[in-house]
Amino acid sequence: MKPLLSATSAAFLAGVSFFAAGPALAEPPKNFHQCTKTLTYQLYFNNLRIGQLSRTLRWQDQEAIVNSYSSINVLATKTRFKQSSEVYWSPQHQSFLSKGFDRNISGLMDGTTRASFSRDAKKSTVSNDGEKLTFQSSDKPILDVDAIGSQMRLDLIEGKTFFDYKMQESDDVSHYYFQVKGQETIDSNFGPVRAIRVEQIRKSDRKLVMWFSPDVDYQLVRATYQRKIVDVKAVLLTKNINCPPGVNTLSQTTASSATSSTLSPPPF
C-alpha cells in the first residue's frame, strides 16, 4: 500500500509544454504567482475507483504552500494521506527548492513524517515517526515531491526533454529520471486535449507515464503507474483556478500570445 500511495502522489505534481525555450529567469514572472489552484484527481486501482486526491497551491510572493489530501479505499481498508509543503524560488540556483513538509498517513501503513531542508538544498533532516534521519547530496539539490512538480513544469516549458531530480522520501533519498516521449491527443474530462507524454526511465521494474496538457493550464491530466501487481491510474476530475483581476491562467495567456516567439515561461 505504501508504494501505491507514494507513487500516486508523486505522479500528480507537474505540468509541461513544448514551447520554444524562453530566456533564463532571474525569477519567475510575478504575474503567475497570484493564482490559487485546486486540482482534484480520480484514483483507480486495477481499473476500480478507490478514491480521490485533491491538491491546492497558494502563492505568496516567491513562496508557495501546497496542501494535498487523499482518501483511498482498497481491500476494505481506508487510508488517508495528508501533506503540507513549502516551496520557494531560489534566484541563486535558478530553480525551485523545498523549505519543508509535513506528511501524515492514517490507516494501512500509517505514519508521520516531517522534513526540513538547508538553504543550499544539499542537506535534509527528517523525523520519521520520531526517528531522526539526515541526508546529504554532493551534487543535485534534495527536493520534496511538490518542488519537483514545480521544477518539472518549468523545465518542460523551457523546452527540456530529459531531466532528473533527487527526491526526499520518508526514509531515503531517491534519484529519479524522466524523458519526454512525444505529443498526443487524449480524451479527458474536458474533452479531447493536446498532451505531452513523459515517462520515468532507468527503472526496469516499473512504468510511470504522465500526460500534461497545455489546453488545461499545463496541468497533469492523466497518470498511470504499473509495478508487479500494482496498476494505478489518476485522471484529472476538476480544476478550480482563482486569479486576481487582470491575471490570466497560462493556457489563456498562450492562446492570446500564439504569435509571439518570446513567451516567458511561468513557474507553476
C-alpha atoms as a PDB file:
ATOM      1  CA  MET A   1       0.000   0.000   0.000  1.00  0.00           C
ATOM      2  CA  LYS A   2       2.839   2.400   0.744  1.00  0.00           C
ATOM      3  CA  PRO A   3       4.256   2.100  -2.828  1.00  0.00           C
ATOM      4  CA  LEU A   4       0.741   2.801  -4.086  1.00  0.00           C
ATOM      5  CA  LEU A   5       0.457   5.994  -2.048  1.00  0.00           C
ATOM      6  CA  SER A   6       3.924   7.324  -2.770  1.00  0.00           C
ATOM      7  CA  ALA A   7       3.803   6.577  -6.493  1.00  0.00           C
ATOM      8  CA  THR A   8       0.318   8.006  -6.866  1.00  0.00           C
ATOM      9  CA  SER A   9       1.035  11.259  -5.039  1.00  0.00           C
ATOM     10  CA  ALA A  10       4.358  11.676  -6.816  1.00  0.00           C
ATOM     11  CA  ALA A  11       2.694  11.400 -10.187  1.00  0.00           C
ATOM     12  CA  PHE A  12       0.342  14.342  -9.591  1.00  0.00           C
ATOM     13  CA  LEU A  13       2.866  17.075  -9.431  1.00  0.00           C
ATOM     14  CA  ALA A  14       3.945  18.668 -12.616  1.00  0.00           C
ATOM     15  CA  GLY A  15       2.939  20.400 -15.843  1.00  0.00           C
ATOM     16  CA  VAL A  16       4.656  20.674 -19.164  1.00  0.00           C
ATOM     17  CA  SER A  17       4.741  22.249 -22.637  1.00  0.00           C
ATOM     18  CA  PHE A  18       6.828  22.132 -25.775  1.00  0.00           C
ATOM     19  CA  PHE A  19       7.152  25.891 -26.193  1.00  0.00           C
ATOM     20  CA  ALA A  20      10.446  27.144 -27.523  1.00  0.00           C
ATOM     21  CA  ALA A  21      12.805  27.700 -24.629  1.00  0.00           C
ATOM     22  CA  GLY A  22      12.436  31.087 -23.013  1.00  0.00           C
ATOM     23  CA  PRO A  23      15.299  33.090 -21.536  1.00  0.00           C
ATOM     24  CA  ALA A  24      16.764  32.099 -18.203  1.00  0.00           C
ATOM     25  CA  LEU A  25      14.670  33.579 -15.430  1.00  0.00           C
ATOM     26  CA  ALA A  26      16.131  35.819 -12.749  1.00  0.00           C
ATOM     27  CA  GLU A  27      12.854  34.978 -11.074  1.00  0.00           C
ATOM     28  CA  PRO A  28       9.535  33.590 -12.388  1.00  0.00           C
ATOM     29  CA  PRO A  29       7.064  36.265 -13.525  1.00  0.00           C
ATOM     30  CA  LYS A  30       5.119  37.523 -10.513  1.00  0.00           C
ATOM     31  CA  ASN A  31       2.037  37.634 -12.717  1.00  0.00           C
ATOM     32  CA  PHE A  32       1.772  33.874 -12.283  1.00  0.00           C
ATOM     33  CA  HIS A  33       2.359  33.822  -8.518  1.00  0.00           C
ATOM     34  CA  GLN A  34      -1.057  35.212  -7.738  1.00  0.00           C
ATOM     35  CA  CYS A  35      -3.472  32.428  -8.696  1.00  0.00           C
ATOM     36  CA  THR A  36      -4.784  29.838  -6.259  1.00  0.00           C
ATOM     37  CA  LYS A  37      -5.253  26.455  -7.909  1.00  0.00           C
ATOM     38  CA  THR A  38      -7.134  23.393  -6.671  1.00  0.00           C
ATOM     39  CA  LEU A  39      -6.943  20.194  -8.700  1.00  0.00           C
ATOM     40  CA  THR A  40      -8.896  17.025  -7.904  1.00  0.00           C
ATOM     41  CA  TYR A  41      -7.999  13.624  -9.345  1.00  0.00           C
ATOM     42  CA  GLN A  42      -9.992  10.404  -9.523  1.00  0.00           C
ATOM     43  CA  LEU A  43      -7.816   7.458  -8.476  1.00  0.00           C
ATOM     44  CA  TYR A  44      -8.081   3.911  -9.815  1.00  0.00           C
ATOM     45  CA  PHE A  45      -6.501   0.633  -8.705  1.00  0.00           C
ATOM     46  CA  ASN A  46      -6.748  -2.211 -11.232  1.00  0.00           C
ATOM     47  CA  ASN A  47      -9.447  -0.158 -13.034  1.00  0.00           C
ATOM     48  CA  LEU A  48     -11.577   0.168  -9.877  1.00  0.00           C
ATOM     49  CA  ARG A  49     -12.280   3.570  -8.336  1.00  0.00           C
ATOM     50  CA  ILE A  50     -10.565   3.766  -4.964  1.00  0.00           C
ATOM     51  CA  GLY A  51     -10.809   7.447  -4.043  1.00  0.00           C
ATOM     52  CA  GLN A  52      -9.705  10.955  -4.908  1.00  0.00           C
ATOM     53  CA  LEU A  53      -6.731  13.223  -4.380  1.00  0.00           C
ATOM     54  CA  SER A  54      -7.083  16.993  -4.016  1.00  0.00           C
ATOM     55  CA  ARG A  55      -4.171  19.402  -4.274  1.00  0.00           C
ATOM     56  CA  THR A  56      -4.273  23.158  -3.569  1.00  0.00           C
ATOM     57  CA  LEU A  57      -1.425  25.584  -4.300  1.00  0.00           C
ATOM     58  CA  ARG A  58      -1.340  29.123  -2.891  1.00  0.00           C
ATOM     59  CA  TRP A  59       1.407  31.616  -3.807  1.00  0.00           C
ATOM     60  CA  GLN A  60       2.713  34.387  -1.554  1.00  0.00           C
ATOM     61  CA  ASP A  61       5.447  36.388  -3.285  1.00  0.00           C
ATOM     62  CA  GLN A  62       8.124  33.812  -4.231  1.00  0.00           C
ATOM     63  CA  GLU A  63       6.875  31.081  -1.900  1.00  0.00           C
ATOM     64  CA  ALA A  64       4.020  28.623  -2.196  1.00  0.00           C
ATOM     65  CA  ILE A  65       2.103  26.498   0.277  1.00  0.00           C
ATOM     66  CA  VAL A  66       0.926  23.212  -1.250  1.00  0.00           C
ATOM     67  CA  ASN A  67      -1.714  21.149   0.555  1.00  0.00           C
ATOM     68  CA  SER A  68      -2.552  17.640  -0.645  1.00  0.00           C
ATOM     69  CA  TYR A  69      -5.190  15.262   0.656  1.00  0.00           C
ATOM     70  CA  SER A  70      -6.385  11.853  -0.487  1.00  0.00           C
ATOM     71  CA  SER A  71      -8.751   9.233   0.862  1.00  0.00           C
ATOM     72  CA  ILE A  72      -8.280   5.742  -0.564  1.00  0.00           C
ATOM     73  CA  ASN A  73     -10.283   2.555  -0.034  1.00  0.00           C
ATOM     74  CA  VAL A  74      -8.517  -0.676  -1.026  1.00  0.00           C
ATOM     75  CA  LEU A  75      -9.349  -4.199   0.162  1.00  0.00           C
ATOM     76  CA  ALA A  76     -11.892  -2.870   2.687  1.00  0.00           C
ATOM     77  CA  THR A  77      -9.220  -0.655   4.266  1.00  0.00           C
ATOM     78  CA  LYS A  78      -9.412   3.140   4.251  1.00  0.00           C
ATOM     79  CA  THR A  79      -6.162   5.087   4.073  1.00  0.00           C
ATOM     80  CA  ARG A  80      -5.891   8.870   4.323  1.00  0.00           C
ATOM     81  CA  PHE A  81      -2.906  10.854   3.077  1.00  0.00           C
ATOM     82  CA  LYS A  82      -2.266  14.476   4.081  1.00  0.00           C
ATOM     83  CA  GLN A  83       0.714  16.627   3.206  1.00  0.00           C
ATOM     84  CA  SER A  84       1.553  20.308   3.542  1.00  0.00           C
ATOM     85  CA  SER A  85       4.756  21.593   1.973  1.00  0.00           C
ATOM     86  CA  GLU A  86       6.556  24.893   1.398  1.00  0.00           C
ATOM     87  CA  VAL A  87       8.229  25.530  -1.961  1.00  0.00           C
ATOM     88  CA  TYR A  88      10.155  28.638  -3.000  1.00  0.00           C
ATOM     89  CA  TRP A  89      12.017  30.062  -5.981  1.00  0.00           C
ATOM     90  CA  SER A  90      15.790  30.428  -5.500  1.00  0.00           C
ATOM     91  CA  PRO A  91      17.392  33.148  -7.678  1.00  0.00           C
ATOM     92  CA  GLN A  92      20.798  31.749  -6.744  1.00  0.00           C
ATOM     93  CA  HIS A  93      20.022  28.244  -8.003  1.00  0.00           C
ATOM     94  CA  GLN A  94      17.601  29.414 -10.714  1.00  0.00           C
ATOM     95  CA  SER A  95      15.250  26.664  -9.623  1.00  0.00           C
ATOM     96  CA  PHE A  96      12.554  25.721  -7.151  1.00  0.00           C
ATOM     97  CA  LEU A  97      13.672  24.377  -3.778  1.00  0.00           C
ATOM     98  CA  SER A  98      11.981  22.813  -0.768  1.00  0.00           C
ATOM     99  CA  LYS A  99      11.726  24.507   2.600  1.00  0.00           C
ATOM    100  CA  GLY A 100       9.986  21.636   4.378  1.00  0.00           C
ATOM    101  CA  PHE A 101       6.950  19.384   4.524  1.00  0.00           C
ATOM    102  CA  ASP A 102       4.663  17.596   6.983  1.00  0.00           C
ATOM    103  CA  ARG A 103       3.094  14.289   5.928  1.00  0.00           C
ATOM    104  CA  ASN A 104       0.595  12.109   7.729  1.00  0.00           C
ATOM    105  CA  ILE A 105      -0.720   8.725   6.618  1.00  0.00           C
ATOM    106  CA  SER A 106      -3.501   7.082   8.618  1.00  0.00           C
ATOM    107  CA  GLY A 107      -4.878   3.603   8.111  1.00  0.00           C
ATOM    108  CA  LEU A 108      -2.775   0.922   6.475  1.00  0.00           C
ATOM    109  CA  MET A 109       0.974   1.709   6.778  1.00  0.00           C
ATOM    110  CA  ASP A 110       0.214   4.760   8.920  1.00  0.00           C
ATOM    111  CA  GLY A 111       2.946   7.143   9.946  1.00  0.00           C
ATOM    112  CA  THR A 112       4.032  10.767  10.320  1.00  0.00           C
ATOM    113  CA  THR A 113       6.957  12.403   8.537  1.00  0.00           C
ATOM    114  CA  ARG A 114       8.358  15.910   8.970  1.00  0.00           C
ATOM    115  CA  ALA A 115      11.245  17.210   6.850  1.00  0.00           C
ATOM    116  CA  SER A 116      13.296  20.390   6.634  1.00  0.00           C
ATOM    117  CA  PHE A 117      15.912  21.402   4.074  1.00  0.00           C
ATOM    118  CA  SER A 118      19.065  23.536   4.228  1.00  0.00           C
ATOM    119  CA  ARG A 119      19.266  26.796   2.273  1.00  0.00           C
ATOM    120  CA  ASP A 120      21.508  25.241  -0.373  1.00  0.00           C
ATOM    121  CA  ALA A 121      19.171  22.209  -0.565  1.00  0.00           C
ATOM    122  CA  LYS A 122      22.108  19.839  -0.197  1.00  0.00           C
ATOM    123  CA  LYS A 123      21.083  18.621   3.257  1.00  0.00           C
ATOM    124  CA  SER A 124      17.793  17.441   4.709  1.00  0.00           C
ATOM    125  CA  THR A 125      16.631  16.430   8.168  1.00  0.00           C
ATOM    126  CA  VAL A 126      13.717  14.036   8.503  1.00  0.00           C
ATOM    127  CA  SER A 127      11.732  12.948  11.541  1.00  0.00           C
ATOM    128  CA  ASN A 128      10.016   9.707  10.592  1.00  0.00           C
ATOM    129  CA  ASP A 129       7.682   8.529  13.362  1.00  0.00           C
ATOM    130  CA  GLY A 130      10.057  10.086  15.881  1.00  0.00           C
ATOM    131  CA  GLU A 131      13.235   8.660  14.341  1.00  0.00           C
ATOM    132  CA  LYS A 132      15.573  11.432  13.186  1.00  0.00           C
ATOM    133  CA  LEU A 133      17.459  10.937   9.918  1.00  0.00           C
ATOM    134  CA  THR A 134      19.803  13.231   7.991  1.00  0.00           C
ATOM    135  CA  PHE A 135      20.727  13.118   4.314  1.00  0.00           C
ATOM    136  CA  GLN A 136      23.282  14.923   2.172  1.00  0.00           C
ATOM    137  CA  SER A 137      23.832  15.375  -1.553  1.00  0.00           C
ATOM    138  CA  SER A 138      27.160  16.293  -3.125  1.00  0.00           C
ATOM    139  CA  ASP A 139      25.676  17.450  -6.420  1.00  0.00           C
ATOM    140  CA  LYS A 140      21.964  17.991  -7.025  1.00  0.00           C
ATOM    141  CA  PRO A 141      19.583  19.603  -4.535  1.00  0.00           C
ATOM    142  CA  ILE A 142      17.315  17.366  -2.492  1.00  0.00           C
ATOM    143  CA  LEU A 143      13.677  18.195  -3.239  1.00  0.00           C
ATOM    144  CA  ASP A 144      10.297  17.115  -1.983  1.00  0.00           C
ATOM    145  CA  VAL A 145       7.653  15.941  -4.414  1.00  0.00           C
ATOM    146  CA  ASP A 146       5.982  19.382  -4.653  1.00  0.00           C
ATOM    147  CA  ALA A 147       9.207  21.197  -5.530  1.00  0.00           C
ATOM    148  CA  ILE A 148       9.841  18.522  -8.155  1.00  0.00           C
ATOM    149  CA  GLY A 149       6.392  19.217  -9.580  1.00  0.00           C
ATOM    150  CA  SER A 150       7.138  22.935  -9.942  1.00  0.00           C
ATOM    151  CA  GLN A 151      10.615  22.355 -11.350  1.00  0.00           C
ATOM    152  CA  MET A 152       9.499  19.688 -13.826  1.00  0.00           C
ATOM    153  CA  ARG A 153       6.857  22.008 -15.198  1.00  0.00           C
ATOM    154  CA  LEU A 154       9.350  24.853 -15.627  1.00  0.00           C
ATOM    155  CA  ASP A 155      11.949  22.543 -17.199  1.00  0.00           C
ATOM    156  CA  LEU A 156       9.484  21.329 -19.791  1.00  0.00           C
ATOM    157  CA  ILE A 157       8.052  24.749 -20.546  1.00  0.00           C
ATOM    158  CA  GLU A 158      11.635  25.807 -21.260  1.00  0.00           C
ATOM    159  CA  GLY A 159      11.843  23.010 -23.837  1.00  0.00           C
ATOM    160  CA  LYS A 160      13.887  20.417 -21.960  1.00  0.00           C
ATOM    161  CA  THR A 161      13.228  16.785 -22.812  1.00  0.00           C
ATOM    162  CA  PHE A 162      15.394  14.991 -20.241  1.00  0.00           C
ATOM    163  CA  PHE A 163      15.643  15.804 -16.559  1.00  0.00           C
ATOM    164  CA  ASP A 164      16.397  14.184 -13.221  1.00  0.00           C
ATOM    165  CA  TYR A 165      15.789  15.019  -9.585  1.00  0.00           C
ATOM    166  CA  LYS A 166      16.702  13.760  -6.138  1.00  0.00           C
ATOM    167  CA  MET A 167      13.534  13.273  -4.107  1.00  0.00           C
ATOM    168  CA  GLN A 168      13.256  13.144  -0.333  1.00  0.00           C
ATOM    169  CA  GLU A 169      11.146  10.218   0.801  1.00  0.00           C
ATOM    170  CA  SER A 170      10.180   9.171   4.315  1.00  0.00           C
ATOM    171  CA  ASP A 171      13.365   7.224   4.996  1.00  0.00           C
ATOM    172  CA  ASP A 172      15.596   7.688   1.963  1.00  0.00           C
ATOM    173  CA  VAL A 173      16.599   9.952  -0.931  1.00  0.00           C
ATOM    174  CA  SER A 174      15.971   8.527  -4.406  1.00  0.00           C
ATOM    175  CA  HIS A 175      17.272   9.697  -7.787  1.00  0.00           C
ATOM    176  CA  TYR A 176      14.577   9.764 -10.486  1.00  0.00           C
ATOM    177  CA  TYR A 177      14.991  10.292 -14.245  1.00  0.00           C
ATOM    178  CA  PHE A 178      12.330  11.395 -16.745  1.00  0.00           C
ATOM    179  CA  GLN A 179      12.135  11.816 -20.510  1.00  0.00           C
ATOM    180  CA  VAL A 180       9.624  13.387 -22.884  1.00  0.00           C
ATOM    181  CA  LYS A 181       8.364  10.727 -25.291  1.00  0.00           C
ATOM    182  CA  GLY A 182       6.174  12.786 -27.615  1.00  0.00           C
ATOM    183  CA  GLN A 183       2.888  14.628 -28.055  1.00  0.00           C
ATOM    184  CA  GLU A 184      -0.564  13.059 -28.232  1.00  0.00           C
ATOM    185  CA  THR A 185      -4.233  13.982 -28.295  1.00  0.00           C
ATOM    186  CA  ILE A 186      -6.060  12.229 -25.476  1.00  0.00           C
ATOM    187  CA  ASP A 187      -9.595  12.173 -24.109  1.00  0.00           C
ATOM    188  CA  SER A 188     -10.134  13.941 -20.797  1.00  0.00           C
ATOM    189  CA  ASN A 189     -12.946  15.187 -18.584  1.00  0.00           C
ATOM    190  CA  PHE A 190     -12.562  18.456 -20.503  1.00  0.00           C
ATOM    191  CA  GLY A 191     -12.883  16.822 -23.931  1.00  0.00           C
ATOM    192  CA  PRO A 192     -10.029  15.931 -26.328  1.00  0.00           C
ATOM    193  CA  VAL A 193      -6.868  17.805 -25.320  1.00  0.00           C
ATOM    194  CA  ARG A 194      -3.303  18.105 -26.532  1.00  0.00           C
ATOM    195  CA  ALA A 195      -0.937  16.350 -24.170  1.00  0.00           C
ATOM    196  CA  ILE A 196       2.772  15.865 -23.593  1.00  0.00           C
ATOM    197  CA  ARG A 197       3.766  12.302 -22.709  1.00  0.00           C
ATOM    198  CA  VAL A 198       6.506  11.989 -20.060  1.00  0.00           C
ATOM    199  CA  GLU A 199       7.906   8.674 -18.828  1.00  0.00           C
ATOM    200  CA  GLN A 200      10.094   7.684 -15.930  1.00  0.00           C
ATOM    201  CA  ILE A 201      13.235   5.952 -17.229  1.00  0.00           C
ATOM    202  CA  ARG A 202      16.070   3.830 -15.799  1.00  0.00           C
ATOM    203  CA  LYS A 203      13.612   1.804 -13.706  1.00  0.00           C
ATOM    204  CA  SER A 204      13.042  -1.562 -15.379  1.00  0.00           C
ATOM    205  CA  ASP A 205      10.779  -2.909 -12.621  1.00  0.00           C
ATOM    206  CA  ARG A 206       8.063  -0.260 -13.019  1.00  0.00           C
ATOM    207  CA  LYS A 207       6.392   2.036 -15.543  1.00  0.00           C
ATOM    208  CA  LEU A 208       5.249   5.569 -14.717  1.00  0.00           C
ATOM    209  CA  VAL A 209       3.680   7.609 -17.538  1.00  0.00           C
ATOM    210  CA  MET A 210       2.296  11.149 -17.175  1.00  0.00           C
ATOM    211  CA  TRP A 211       0.354  13.327 -19.619  1.00  0.00           C
ATOM    212  CA  PHE A 212       0.294  17.137 -19.279  1.00  0.00           C
ATOM    213  CA  SER A 213      -1.977  19.410 -21.288  1.00  0.00           C
ATOM    214  CA  PRO A 214      -1.315  22.986 -22.478  1.00  0.00           C
ATOM    215  CA  ASP A 215      -5.079  23.159 -23.084  1.00  0.00           C
ATOM    216  CA  VAL A 216      -5.722  22.715 -19.349  1.00  0.00           C
ATOM    217  CA  ASP A 217      -3.289  25.238 -17.839  1.00  0.00           C
ATOM    218  CA  TYR A 218      -0.394  22.850 -18.476  1.00  0.00           C
ATOM    219  CA  GLN A 219      -1.594  20.616 -15.680  1.00  0.00           C
ATOM    220  CA  LEU A 220      -1.307  16.867 -15.330  1.00  0.00           C
ATOM    221  CA  VAL A 221      -4.464  15.342 -16.826  1.00  0.00           C
ATOM    222  CA  ARG A 222      -3.604  11.636 -16.586  1.00  0.00           C
ATOM    223  CA  ALA A 223      -1.018   9.378 -14.943  1.00  0.00           C
ATOM    224  CA  THR A 224      -0.515   5.612 -14.881  1.00  0.00           C
ATOM    225  CA  TYR A 225       1.802   3.566 -12.682  1.00  0.00           C
ATOM    226  CA  GLN A 226       2.448  -0.169 -13.034  1.00  0.00           C
ATOM    227  CA  ARG A 227       4.683  -2.298 -10.842  1.00  0.00           C
ATOM    228  CA  LYS A 228       4.194  -6.018 -10.193  1.00  0.00           C
ATOM    229  CA  ILE A 229       0.552  -6.369  -9.088  1.00  0.00           C
ATOM    230  CA  VAL A 230       0.075  -2.602  -8.685  1.00  0.00           C
ATOM    231  CA  ASP A 231      -1.801  -0.901 -11.526  1.00  0.00           C
ATOM    232  CA  VAL A 232      -2.723   2.677 -10.606  1.00  0.00           C
ATOM    233  CA  LYS A 233      -4.302   5.414 -12.692  1.00  0.00           C
ATOM    234  CA  ALA A 234      -5.124   9.048 -11.896  1.00  0.00           C
ATOM    235  CA  VAL A 235      -7.402  11.225 -14.030  1.00  0.00           C
ATOM    236  CA  LEU A 236      -7.953  14.956 -13.554  1.00  0.00           C
ATOM    237  CA  LEU A 237     -11.571  15.304 -12.453  1.00  0.00           C
ATOM    238  CA  THR A 238     -11.985  19.008 -11.660  1.00  0.00           C
ATOM    239  CA  LYS A 239      -9.907  22.184 -11.596  1.00  0.00           C
ATOM    240  CA  ASN A 240     -10.590  25.452  -9.799  1.00  0.00           C
ATOM    241  CA  ILE A 241      -8.274  28.370 -10.609  1.00  0.00           C
ATOM    242  CA  ASN A 242      -8.890  31.733  -8.939  1.00  0.00           C
ATOM    243  CA  CYS A 243      -6.813  34.694 -10.115  1.00  0.00           C
ATOM    244  CA  PRO A 244      -6.941  38.405  -9.245  1.00  0.00           C
ATOM    245  CA  PRO A 245      -8.428  40.726 -11.888  1.00  0.00           C
ATOM    246  CA  GLY A 246      -6.130  41.113 -14.871  1.00  0.00           C
ATOM    247  CA  VAL A 247      -4.234  37.888 -14.236  1.00  0.00           C
ATOM    248  CA  ASN A 248      -4.746  35.063 -16.728  1.00  0.00           C
ATOM    249  CA  THR A 249      -4.025  31.369 -16.467  1.00  0.00           C
ATOM    250  CA  LEU A 250      -1.180  30.035 -18.571  1.00  0.00           C
ATOM    251  CA  SER A 251      -3.482  28.456 -21.142  1.00  0.00           C
ATOM    252  CA  GLN A 252      -5.320  31.768 -21.597  1.00  0.00           C
ATOM    253  CA  THR A 253      -2.041  33.649 -21.956  1.00  0.00           C
ATOM    254  CA  THR A 254      -0.577  31.273 -24.509  1.00  0.00           C
ATOM    255  CA  ALA A 255      -3.786  31.299 -26.510  1.00  0.00           C
ATOM    256  CA  SER A 256      -3.714  35.085 -26.740  1.00  0.00           C
ATOM    257  CA  SER A 257       0.046  35.116 -27.414  1.00  0.00           C
ATOM    258  CA  ALA A 258       0.232  32.363 -30.002  1.00  0.00           C
ATOM    259  CA  THR A 259       2.019  34.582 -32.498  1.00  0.00           C
ATOM    260  CA  SER A 260       4.711  35.652 -30.045  1.00  0.00           C
ATOM    261  CA  SER A 261       8.101  33.916 -30.109  1.00  0.00           C
ATOM    262  CA  THR A 262       9.291  35.362 -26.796  1.00  0.00           C
ATOM    263  CA  LEU A 263       6.781  33.964 -24.314  1.00  0.00           C
ATOM    264  CA  SER A 264       8.438  33.691 -20.898  1.00  0.00           C
ATOM    265  CA  PRO A 265       7.537  30.509 -19.014  1.00  0.00           C
ATOM    266  CA  PRO A 266       5.688  30.785 -15.707  1.00  0.00           C
ATOM    267  CA  PRO A 267       6.640  28.649 -12.717  1.00  0.00           C
ATOM    268  CA  PHE A 268       3.551  26.686 -11.795  1.00  0.00           C
END
